[in-house]
Amino acid sequence: MAIDPKMYEKYSGRSGDPYKRLGEALAKSSAKKQQVRAQADKSFSERIAIGHFKANWMLSIIGSIIVLIVVIVSLFR
C-alpha cells in the first residue's frame, strides 16, 4: 500500500513521514493490546487462586463446626 506524502499532508494536515506515523500508531496499538491481554491472564489466575483460597477457608470452617458438634455430642452421652 502506497501513501503519497503530499496527499497525506494535504488531507491530514500533518507533515512528516506518513510511514513513520503509521508504524508508531501500530506499535502503540500492539503494545496496548499486549498489556490488556497480560492483565486479563493475570486476573484470571488471580481469580482461580482467590477462589481456591475461599473454598479452602469455607471447608475448614465447616470441618471445624462438624468437629465441635461431634465433641459436644460425645460429651453429653
C-alpha atoms as a PDB file:
ATOM      1  CA  MET A   1       0.000   0.000   0.000  1.00  0.00           C
ATOM      2  CA  ALA A   2       1.495   3.303  -1.033  1.00  0.00           C
ATOM      3  CA  ILE A   3       0.920   6.544   0.814  1.00  0.00           C
ATOM      4  CA  ASP A   4       1.519   9.728  -1.139  1.00  0.00           C
ATOM      5  CA  PRO A   5       3.297  12.143   1.248  1.00  0.00           C
ATOM      6  CA  LYS A   6       1.787  15.219  -0.427  1.00  0.00           C
ATOM      7  CA  MET A   7      -1.777  13.899  -0.208  1.00  0.00           C
ATOM      8  CA  TYR A   8      -1.142  12.756   3.351  1.00  0.00           C
ATOM      9  CA  GLU A   9      -0.024  16.241   4.335  1.00  0.00           C
ATOM     10  CA  LYS A  10      -2.918  17.848   2.431  1.00  0.00           C
ATOM     11  CA  TYR A  11      -5.712  15.744   3.939  1.00  0.00           C
ATOM     12  CA  SER A  12      -4.354  15.090   7.416  1.00  0.00           C
ATOM     13  CA  GLY A  13      -2.758  18.462   7.998  1.00  0.00           C
ATOM     14  CA  ARG A  14       0.336  16.732   9.379  1.00  0.00           C
ATOM     15  CA  SER A  15       3.797  16.929   7.952  1.00  0.00           C
ATOM     16  CA  GLY A  16       6.466  14.270   8.177  1.00  0.00           C
ATOM     17  CA  ASP A  17       6.882  10.724   7.042  1.00  0.00           C
ATOM     18  CA  PRO A  18       3.457   9.004   6.940  1.00  0.00           C
ATOM     19  CA  TYR A  19       5.053   5.550   7.262  1.00  0.00           C
ATOM     20  CA  LYS A  20       6.781   6.553  10.470  1.00  0.00           C
ATOM     21  CA  ARG A  21       3.491   7.784  11.955  1.00  0.00           C
ATOM     22  CA  LEU A  22       1.711   4.633  10.793  1.00  0.00           C
ATOM     23  CA  GLY A  23       4.430   2.457  12.348  1.00  0.00           C
ATOM     24  CA  GLU A  24       4.237   4.371  15.623  1.00  0.00           C
ATOM     25  CA  ALA A  25       0.446   4.034  15.712  1.00  0.00           C
ATOM     26  CA  LEU A  26       0.626   0.289  15.020  1.00  0.00           C
ATOM     27  CA  ALA A  27       3.314  -0.200  17.668  1.00  0.00           C
ATOM     28  CA  LYS A  28       1.279   1.736  20.236  1.00  0.00           C
ATOM     29  CA  SER A  29      -1.855  -0.264  19.420  1.00  0.00           C
ATOM     30  CA  SER A  30       0.035  -3.547  19.629  1.00  0.00           C
ATOM     31  CA  ALA A  31       1.600  -2.619  22.973  1.00  0.00           C
ATOM     32  CA  LYS A  32      -1.808  -1.673  24.400  1.00  0.00           C
ATOM     33  CA  LYS A  33      -3.366  -4.956  23.216  1.00  0.00           C
ATOM     34  CA  GLN A  34      -0.495  -6.922  24.736  1.00  0.00           C
ATOM     35  CA  GLN A  35      -0.878  -5.081  28.042  1.00  0.00           C
ATOM     36  CA  VAL A  36      -4.635  -5.765  28.130  1.00  0.00           C
ATOM     37  CA  ARG A  37      -4.072  -9.459  27.412  1.00  0.00           C
ATOM     38  CA  ALA A  38      -1.432  -9.690  30.151  1.00  0.00           C
ATOM     39  CA  GLN A  39      -3.808  -8.102  32.655  1.00  0.00           C
ATOM     40  CA  ALA A  40      -6.606 -10.446  31.610  1.00  0.00           C
ATOM     41  CA  ASP A  41      -4.385 -13.508  32.041  1.00  0.00           C
ATOM     42  CA  LYS A  42      -3.115 -12.259  35.372  1.00  0.00           C
ATOM     43  CA  SER A  43      -6.566 -11.512  36.678  1.00  0.00           C
ATOM     44  CA  PHE A  44      -7.790 -14.963  35.585  1.00  0.00           C
ATOM     45  CA  SER A  45      -5.004 -16.707  37.501  1.00  0.00           C
ATOM     46  CA  GLU A  46      -5.640 -14.465  40.489  1.00  0.00           C
ATOM     47  CA  ARG A  47      -9.343 -15.303  40.342  1.00  0.00           C
ATOM     48  CA  ILE A  48      -8.507 -19.005  40.369  1.00  0.00           C
ATOM     49  CA  ALA A  49      -6.165 -18.567  43.347  1.00  0.00           C
ATOM     50  CA  ILE A  50      -8.700 -16.485  45.298  1.00  0.00           C
ATOM     51  CA  GLY A  51     -11.471 -18.968  44.538  1.00  0.00           C
ATOM     52  CA  HIS A  52      -9.264 -21.809  45.739  1.00  0.00           C
ATOM     53  CA  PHE A  53      -8.447 -19.879  48.921  1.00  0.00           C
ATOM     54  CA  LYS A  54     -12.137 -19.182  49.598  1.00  0.00           C
ATOM     55  CA  ALA A  55     -13.029 -22.840  49.064  1.00  0.00           C
ATOM     56  CA  ASN A  56     -10.336 -23.993  51.495  1.00  0.00           C
ATOM     57  CA  TRP A  57     -11.432 -21.379  54.015  1.00  0.00           C
ATOM     58  CA  MET A  58     -15.096 -22.468  53.849  1.00  0.00           C
ATOM     59  CA  LEU A  59     -14.219 -26.152  54.066  1.00  0.00           C
ATOM     60  CA  SER A  60     -12.046 -25.584  57.125  1.00  0.00           C
ATOM     61  CA  ILE A  61     -14.842 -23.669  58.871  1.00  0.00           C
ATOM     62  CA  ILE A  62     -17.401 -26.357  58.031  1.00  0.00           C
ATOM     63  CA  GLY A  63     -14.969 -29.047  59.188  1.00  0.00           C
ATOM     64  CA  SER A  64     -14.373 -27.226  62.467  1.00  0.00           C
ATOM     65  CA  ILE A  65     -18.106 -26.903  63.110  1.00  0.00           C
ATOM     66  CA  ILE A  66     -18.612 -30.619  62.456  1.00  0.00           C
ATOM     67  CA  VAL A  67     -15.763 -31.496  64.836  1.00  0.00           C
ATOM     68  CA  LEU A  68     -17.272 -29.244  67.521  1.00  0.00           C
ATOM     69  CA  ILE A  69     -20.683 -30.865  67.110  1.00  0.00           C
ATOM     70  CA  VAL A  70     -19.169 -34.352  67.369  1.00  0.00           C
ATOM     71  CA  VAL A  71     -17.210 -33.390  70.501  1.00  0.00           C
ATOM     72  CA  ILE A  72     -20.252 -31.792  72.158  1.00  0.00           C
ATOM     73  CA  VAL A  73     -22.484 -34.757  71.332  1.00  0.00           C
ATOM     74  CA  SER A  74     -19.879 -37.222  72.678  1.00  0.00           C
ATOM     75  CA  LEU A  75     -19.580 -35.212  75.933  1.00  0.00           C
ATOM     76  CA  PHE A  76     -23.324 -35.390  76.608  1.00  0.00           C
ATOM     77  CA  ARG A  77     -23.611 -39.149  76.094  1.00  0.00           C
END
